[in-house]
Amino acid sequence: MSNLVKALGRRADSLLTPLNAHPRHTLFVSWLIAIGTVVVIASTDGTRAILHAIGHLQPLWLIPAVAAEAAAYAGYVAAYRSSAYAPERQPLPLRLTLRLVVAGFGPFVARGGFSLDRQCLAALHGDERAARVHVLGLGIVEYALLAPAAWLCALIMLLEGQHASLALTLPWVIGVPVGFVIAIWISHPQRRGRWEHGRGWLRELRCDVLAGLDILRRIAAQPRAYCGAILGMGVYWAAEIACLGFSLRCFGVELGVPALVVAHATGYAASRRSLPLGGAGVTEAMLTLALVWVHVPAPSALAGVAAYRLVNFLAASLPALPAHASVRDMVARQAREASRRAAARRRSQSLLP
């Protein structure tokens, strides 16, 4: 089984290599997918309905949307630099962190921005497992903040009798508490041993997940010491949700905070940093559907999502291109230096009597 999984992983890498090796081509492909998805959805709504939604365009709302997206990046940089993920190490330099965050949100890595993070952190510290745990912990902290907010907003919608789809609200109301209970139970120190038994890739995955949950426990136990992770990620999500709200206002749609939070959280069932190609195609479809579930008219929902993705995907991918090139060059330099050090060690060992 382990050999089969590794073989499948190598096959996937071989298929994705052409995209990963040519970021400009990848950028073009992701733009085509995102725009094509919008066009396909628009074709189902009818030209007249789409034109009617566009007729309500108020472009000045794009200004606060862009400002909110800039605040989201600042929050993510602060969360990324937190020492919560590796208390024994110094935080990454601010300039490098900024490049990593900007590049990771770009659609240049077919496996998603977290894949680029792992490569960079492994090259910097020479520890692949620590890099995996760091990235996994970052993803866990993302949803450890978003999920309770979505749960509370879904509960408010149910209690206030808002006519949102139960398919939208009930999974959050039920799933979040259950998920947290399971995470707390399996990561308890007294039970860790039973999950770390075994061998192969499955044991490795379990150990990495437990290490990522340990990061969340550490943050929860010492919130003041790791306030950068909490506040930074909180600012990130609040600003992203505000960006969506402002984008909807471009087309005359005003949503209450609970509906906006639940719709955004549902549309990002997996974060855009973890999705292939920055979530091109998937996010446009899921976010539009989630907004329809909170009773936004489909043409207006699609127009608002298109404006939102214009700000947080298409426009944001332009500065991500040079940042991605810089990060790749840094990883290549680190790899060459590691190779030279390994060769020097082998030469020195061969000279020993």
Protein backbone atom coordinates (compact mmCIF):
# COMPACT_ATOMS: atom_id res chain seq x y z
CA MET A 1 0.00 0.00 0.00
CA SER A 2 2.81 2.40 0.92
CA ASN A 3 4.60 1.71 -2.39
CA LEU A 4 1.36 2.29 -4.29
CA VAL A 5 0.81 5.68 -2.62
CA LYS A 6 4.40 6.72 -3.36
CA ALA A 7 4.04 5.61 -6.98
CA LEU A 8 0.83 7.63 -7.33
CA GLY A 9 2.58 10.64 -5.78
CA ARG A 10 5.44 10.38 -8.27
CA ARG A 11 2.96 10.06 -11.14
CA ALA A 12 1.09 13.17 -9.94
CA ASP A 13 4.37 15.10 -9.68
CA SER A 14 5.29 14.12 -13.25
CA LEU A 15 1.92 15.36 -14.52
CA LEU A 16 2.13 18.64 -12.58
CA THR A 17 5.80 19.41 -13.36
CA PRO A 18 5.09 21.26 -16.63
CA LEU A 19 2.75 23.65 -14.79
CA ASN A 20 5.07 24.11 -11.81
CA ALA A 21 8.07 24.76 -14.05
CA HIS A 22 6.41 27.54 -16.08
CA PRO A 23 4.65 29.97 -13.74
CA ARG A 24 3.54 32.30 -16.54
CA HIS A 25 1.85 29.40 -18.31
CA THR A 26 0.27 28.36 -15.03
CA LEU A 27 -0.97 31.90 -14.48
CA PHE A 28 -2.55 31.93 -17.93
CA VAL A 29 -4.19 28.53 -17.39
CA SER A 30 -5.60 29.57 -14.00
CA TRP A 31 -7.01 32.80 -15.42
CA LEU A 32 -8.65 30.83 -18.24
CA ILE A 33 -10.19 28.40 -15.74
CA ALA A 34 -11.50 31.17 -13.48
CA ILE A 35 -12.90 33.29 -16.32
CA GLY A 36 -14.28 30.21 -18.08
CA THR A 37 -16.09 29.13 -14.91
CA VAL A 38 -17.73 32.56 -14.59
CA VAL A 39 -18.76 32.49 -18.25
CA VAL A 40 -20.25 28.99 -17.94
CA ILE A 41 -22.25 29.93 -14.83
CA ALA A 42 -23.37 33.17 -16.48
CA SER A 43 -24.65 31.25 -19.51
CA THR A 44 -27.07 29.37 -17.25
CA ASP A 45 -28.50 32.62 -15.83
CA GLY A 46 -29.24 34.25 -19.15
CA THR A 47 -27.72 37.31 -20.79
CA ARG A 48 -30.55 39.66 -19.82
CA ALA A 49 -30.28 38.80 -16.09
CA ILE A 50 -26.51 39.23 -16.10
CA LEU A 51 -26.74 42.58 -17.89
CA HIS A 52 -29.36 43.70 -15.38
CA ALA A 53 -27.01 42.84 -12.48
CA ILE A 54 -24.10 44.63 -14.17
CA GLY A 55 -26.34 47.65 -14.67
CA HIS A 56 -26.22 48.21 -10.89
CA LEU A 57 -22.43 48.51 -10.95
CA GLN A 58 -20.98 51.00 -8.46
CA PRO A 59 -17.20 50.70 -9.09
CA LEU A 60 -16.19 52.96 -6.19
CA TRP A 61 -16.83 50.01 -3.86
CA LEU A 62 -13.77 48.35 -5.40
CA ILE A 63 -11.54 50.83 -3.54
CA PRO A 64 -12.39 49.55 -0.03
CA ALA A 65 -12.32 46.00 -1.46
CA VAL A 66 -8.70 46.49 -2.53
CA ALA A 67 -7.85 48.06 0.84
CA ALA A 68 -9.43 45.10 2.64
CA GLU A 69 -7.40 42.66 0.55
CA ALA A 70 -4.20 44.53 1.45
CA ALA A 71 -5.15 44.25 5.14
CA ALA A 72 -5.75 40.51 4.63
CA TYR A 73 -2.21 40.06 3.34
CA ALA A 74 -0.80 42.03 6.28
CA GLY A 75 -2.70 39.84 8.72
CA TYR A 76 -1.48 36.65 7.07
CA VAL A 77 2.12 37.86 7.17
CA ALA A 78 1.78 38.49 10.92
CA ALA A 79 0.28 35.04 11.46
CA TYR A 80 2.94 33.39 9.29
CA ARG A 81 5.79 34.96 11.27
CA SER A 82 4.44 33.83 14.63
CA SER A 83 6.80 31.63 16.63
CA ALA A 84 3.89 29.33 17.51
CA TYR A 85 4.80 26.96 14.68
CA ALA A 86 8.42 26.54 15.78
CA PRO A 87 9.14 28.13 19.19
CA GLU A 88 12.79 27.10 19.05
CA ARG A 89 13.46 29.11 15.87
CA GLN A 90 13.65 32.80 15.15
CA PRO A 91 10.78 34.17 13.01
CA LEU A 92 11.46 34.38 9.30
CA PRO A 93 12.73 37.76 8.04
CA LEU A 94 9.87 40.10 7.21
CA ARG A 95 10.87 40.51 3.56
CA LEU A 96 11.09 36.76 2.99
CA THR A 97 7.77 36.18 4.76
CA LEU A 98 6.07 38.81 2.60
CA ARG A 99 7.41 37.18 -0.56
CA LEU A 100 6.31 33.75 0.62
CA VAL A 101 2.80 34.92 1.47
CA VAL A 102 2.33 36.83 -1.79
CA ALA A 103 3.75 33.97 -3.88
CA GLY A 104 1.70 31.35 -2.02
CA PHE A 105 -1.56 33.13 -2.80
CA GLY A 106 -0.66 33.20 -6.48
CA PRO A 107 -1.84 30.45 -8.85
CA PHE A 108 1.67 29.29 -9.76
CA VAL A 109 1.87 25.96 -7.97
CA ALA A 110 -0.40 23.23 -9.27
CA ARG A 111 -0.50 21.65 -5.82
CA GLY A 112 -1.34 24.92 -4.06
CA GLY A 113 0.53 27.60 -2.14
CA PHE A 114 1.16 25.37 0.88
CA SER A 115 3.34 23.19 -1.36
CA LEU A 116 5.57 26.19 -2.04
CA ASP A 117 5.70 26.93 1.70
CA ARG A 118 6.89 23.39 2.43
CA GLN A 119 9.61 23.58 -0.19
CA CYS A 120 10.89 26.92 1.08
CA LEU A 121 10.83 26.04 4.79
CA ALA A 122 12.48 22.67 4.15
CA ALA A 123 15.23 24.38 2.13
CA LEU A 124 15.78 27.03 4.81
CA HIS A 125 15.91 24.71 7.81
CA GLY A 126 16.92 21.41 6.25
CA ASP A 127 14.06 19.56 7.93
CA GLU A 128 11.25 18.33 5.69
CA ARG A 129 9.04 17.05 8.51
CA ALA A 130 9.31 20.32 10.46
CA ALA A 131 8.31 22.15 7.26
CA ARG A 132 5.26 19.89 6.83
CA VAL A 133 4.21 20.40 10.45
CA HIS A 134 4.67 24.19 10.17
CA VAL A 135 2.43 24.35 7.11
CA LEU A 136 -0.12 21.95 8.57
CA GLY A 137 -0.24 24.00 11.76
CA LEU A 138 -0.79 27.15 9.72
CA GLY A 139 -3.75 25.55 7.95
CA ILE A 140 -5.21 24.28 11.25
CA VAL A 141 -4.95 27.75 12.81
CA GLU A 142 -6.71 29.21 9.75
CA TYR A 143 -9.81 27.11 10.29
CA ALA A 144 -9.60 27.08 14.08
CA LEU A 145 -10.56 30.76 13.82
CA LEU A 146 -12.90 30.70 10.84
CA ALA A 147 -14.92 27.62 11.89
CA PRO A 148 -16.17 28.98 15.27
CA ALA A 149 -17.10 32.28 13.61
CA ALA A 150 -19.06 30.43 10.92
CA TRP A 151 -20.68 28.22 13.59
CA LEU A 152 -21.83 31.24 15.60
CA CYS A 153 -23.17 33.03 12.52
CA ALA A 154 -24.99 29.90 11.30
CA LEU A 155 -26.54 29.50 14.74
CA ILE A 156 -27.68 33.14 14.74
CA MET A 157 -29.28 32.64 11.33
CA LEU A 158 -31.18 29.59 12.57
CA LEU A 159 -32.31 31.19 15.84
CA GLU A 160 -33.43 34.39 14.13
CA GLY A 161 -35.44 32.41 11.63
CA GLN A 162 -33.57 33.69 8.60
CA HIS A 163 -34.59 31.72 5.54
CA ALA A 164 -31.16 30.39 4.68
CA SER A 165 -30.83 26.89 3.29
CA LEU A 166 -30.47 24.23 5.98
CA ALA A 167 -27.92 22.59 3.72
CA LEU A 168 -25.79 25.68 4.36
CA THR A 169 -26.31 26.26 8.08
CA LEU A 170 -26.76 22.81 9.63
CA PRO A 171 -23.34 21.44 8.61
CA TRP A 172 -21.70 24.36 10.44
CA VAL A 173 -23.97 24.15 13.51
CA ILE A 174 -23.41 20.41 13.92
CA GLY A 175 -20.04 19.79 12.30
CA VAL A 176 -17.90 22.41 14.05
CA PRO A 177 -18.56 21.28 17.66
CA VAL A 178 -18.17 17.64 16.64
CA GLY A 179 -14.93 18.40 14.82
CA PHE A 180 -13.46 20.25 17.79
CA VAL A 181 -14.41 17.46 20.21
CA ILE A 182 -12.76 14.86 17.97
CA ALA A 183 -9.62 17.00 17.57
CA ILE A 184 -9.32 17.54 21.33
CA TRP A 185 -9.92 13.86 22.05
CA ILE A 186 -7.39 12.40 19.59
CA SER A 187 -4.70 14.96 20.43
CA HIS A 188 -4.86 14.46 24.21
CA PRO A 189 -1.38 13.52 25.51
CA GLN A 190 -2.74 10.35 27.15
CA ARG A 191 -4.07 9.06 23.83
CA ARG A 192 -1.28 10.12 21.50
CA GLY A 193 0.61 6.88 21.81
CA ARG A 194 -2.14 4.75 20.27
CA TRP A 195 -2.32 6.99 17.18
CA GLU A 196 1.45 6.95 16.66
CA HIS A 197 1.68 3.16 16.36
CA GLY A 198 2.15 1.49 13.01
CA ARG A 199 4.41 2.15 10.07
CA GLY A 200 4.47 3.65 6.60
CA TRP A 201 2.86 6.74 5.16
CA LEU A 202 -0.33 6.43 7.23
CA ARG A 203 1.58 6.59 10.51
CA GLU A 204 3.59 9.53 9.17
CA LEU A 205 0.37 11.35 8.28
CA ARG A 206 -1.15 10.70 11.72
CA CYS A 207 2.00 11.96 13.45
CA ASP A 208 2.06 15.12 11.33
CA VAL A 209 -1.63 15.84 12.07
CA LEU A 210 -1.04 15.35 15.80
CA ALA A 211 1.95 17.68 15.67
CA GLY A 212 -0.21 20.27 13.88
CA LEU A 213 -2.89 19.94 16.57
CA ASP A 214 -0.17 20.41 19.19
CA ILE A 215 0.48 23.82 17.67
CA LEU A 216 -3.18 24.71 18.17
CA ARG A 217 -3.04 23.47 21.78
CA ARG A 218 0.06 25.57 22.36
CA ILE A 219 -1.63 28.69 21.03
CA ALA A 220 -4.78 28.05 23.09
CA ALA A 221 -2.70 27.51 26.26
CA GLN A 222 -0.57 30.65 25.77
CA PRO A 223 -2.64 33.15 23.77
CA ARG A 224 -0.57 36.14 24.90
CA ALA A 225 2.69 34.53 23.85
CA TYR A 226 1.32 33.72 20.40
CA CYS A 227 -1.02 36.64 19.86
CA GLY A 228 0.54 37.23 16.44
CA ALA A 229 -0.92 33.98 15.15
CA ILE A 230 -4.37 34.72 16.61
CA LEU A 231 -4.66 38.39 15.73
CA GLY A 232 -2.97 38.01 12.36
CA MET A 233 -5.26 35.21 11.22
CA GLY A 234 -8.27 37.02 12.65
CA VAL A 235 -7.41 40.13 10.62
CA TYR A 236 -6.88 37.97 7.55
CA TRP A 237 -10.32 36.36 7.66
CA ALA A 238 -12.15 39.55 8.67
CA ALA A 239 -10.53 41.45 5.80
CA GLU A 240 -11.23 38.68 3.28
CA ILE A 241 -14.90 38.59 4.28
CA ALA A 242 -15.08 42.39 4.14
CA CYS A 243 -13.56 42.28 0.63
CA LEU A 244 -16.37 39.97 -0.47
CA GLY A 245 -18.95 42.27 1.16
CA PHE A 246 -17.59 45.33 -0.65
CA SER A 247 -17.50 43.41 -3.94
CA LEU A 248 -21.18 42.55 -3.53
CA ARG A 249 -21.95 46.20 -2.78
CA CYS A 250 -20.53 46.98 -6.24
CA PHE A 251 -23.75 45.43 -7.57
CA GLY A 252 -26.16 46.75 -4.96
CA VAL A 253 -26.19 43.63 -2.75
CA GLU A 254 -26.14 44.19 1.01
CA LEU A 255 -25.77 41.11 3.21
CA GLY A 256 -25.92 40.93 6.98
CA VAL A 257 -22.73 39.87 8.74
CA PRO A 258 -23.95 36.35 9.70
CA ALA A 259 -25.00 35.50 6.12
CA LEU A 260 -21.81 36.99 4.68
CA VAL A 261 -19.57 35.01 7.05
CA VAL A 262 -21.35 31.70 6.48
CA ALA A 263 -21.42 32.17 2.71
CA HIS A 264 -17.72 33.05 2.60
CA ALA A 265 -16.74 30.16 4.87
CA THR A 266 -18.77 27.72 2.76
CA GLY A 267 -17.29 29.01 -0.47
CA TYR A 268 -13.85 28.45 1.01
CA ALA A 269 -14.48 24.92 2.28
CA ALA A 270 -10.76 24.58 1.49
CA SER A 271 -8.65 27.74 1.69
CA ARG A 272 -7.32 29.23 -1.53
CA ARG A 273 -3.77 28.68 -0.29
CA SER A 274 -4.39 24.93 -0.08
CA LEU A 275 -6.29 24.61 -3.37
CA PRO A 276 -4.54 23.91 -6.69
CA LEU A 277 -4.01 26.99 -8.87
CA GLY A 278 -5.25 29.33 -6.14
CA GLY A 279 -8.71 27.79 -6.25
CA ALA A 280 -9.36 28.78 -9.87
CA GLY A 281 -12.76 27.50 -10.94
CA VAL A 282 -13.63 25.84 -7.63
CA THR A 283 -13.92 29.06 -5.64
CA GLU A 284 -15.99 30.89 -8.25
CA ALA A 285 -18.52 28.05 -8.38
CA MET A 286 -18.68 27.32 -4.64
CA LEU A 287 -18.88 30.94 -3.54
CA THR A 288 -21.62 31.75 -6.04
CA LEU A 289 -23.63 28.74 -4.87
CA ALA A 290 -23.15 29.68 -1.20
CA LEU A 291 -24.43 33.21 -1.87
CA VAL A 292 -27.47 31.84 -3.69
CA TRP A 293 -28.13 29.71 -0.59
CA VAL A 294 -28.40 32.92 1.48
CA HIS A 295 -30.91 34.27 -1.07
CA VAL A 296 -28.68 36.54 -3.14
CA PRO A 297 -30.06 36.50 -6.72
CA ALA A 298 -27.86 34.26 -8.85
CA PRO A 299 -26.81 36.94 -11.40
CA SER A 300 -25.89 39.40 -8.63
CA ALA A 301 -24.08 36.66 -6.69
CA LEU A 302 -22.02 35.75 -9.75
CA ALA A 303 -21.23 39.40 -10.52
CA GLY A 304 -20.14 40.01 -6.91
CA VAL A 305 -17.96 36.88 -6.89
CA ALA A 306 -16.39 37.96 -10.19
CA ALA A 307 -15.52 41.37 -8.69
CA TYR A 308 -14.17 39.70 -5.55
CA ARG A 309 -11.97 37.32 -7.54
CA LEU A 310 -10.80 40.19 -9.70
CA VAL A 311 -9.39 41.76 -6.54
CA ASN A 312 -8.15 38.76 -4.58
CA PHE A 313 -7.11 36.49 -7.47
CA LEU A 314 -6.55 38.08 -10.88
CA ALA A 315 -5.07 41.39 -9.71
CA ALA A 316 -3.25 39.81 -6.76
CA SER A 317 -1.51 37.28 -9.03
CA LEU A 318 0.47 40.00 -10.83
CA PRO A 319 2.73 40.97 -7.87
CA ALA A 320 2.84 37.29 -6.94
CA LEU A 321 4.75 36.49 -10.16
CA PRO A 322 8.05 38.22 -9.21
CA ALA A 323 7.63 37.06 -5.60
CA HIS A 324 7.32 33.47 -6.80
CA ALA A 325 10.46 33.82 -8.95
CA SER A 326 12.38 35.22 -5.97
CA VAL A 327 11.26 32.37 -3.69
CA ARG A 328 12.15 29.74 -6.28
CA ASP A 329 15.63 31.24 -6.70
CA MET A 330 16.12 31.18 -2.94
CA VAL A 331 15.05 27.53 -2.72
CA ALA A 332 17.42 26.63 -5.58
CA ARG A 333 20.34 28.41 -3.84
CA GLN A 334 19.62 26.63 -0.57
CA ALA A 335 19.47 23.28 -2.40
CA ARG A 336 22.83 23.92 -4.09
CA GLU A 337 24.44 24.91 -0.79
CA ALA A 338 23.05 21.80 0.92
CA SER A 339 24.42 19.66 -1.92
CA ARG A 340 27.87 21.25 -1.60
CA ARG A 341 27.90 20.70 2.17
CA ALA A 342 26.91 17.06 1.71
CA ALA A 343 29.65 16.56 -0.89
CA ALA A 344 32.21 18.18 1.43
CA ARG A 345 31.17 15.86 4.28
CA ARG A 346 31.54 12.82 2.04
CA ARG A 347 35.02 13.95 0.94
CA SER A 348 36.13 14.55 4.51
CA GLN A 349 34.84 11.12 5.58
CA SER A 350 36.65 9.42 2.72
CA LEU A 351 39.94 10.96 3.89
CA LEU A 352 39.59 9.55 7.39
CA PRO A 353 41.84 6.56 8.12
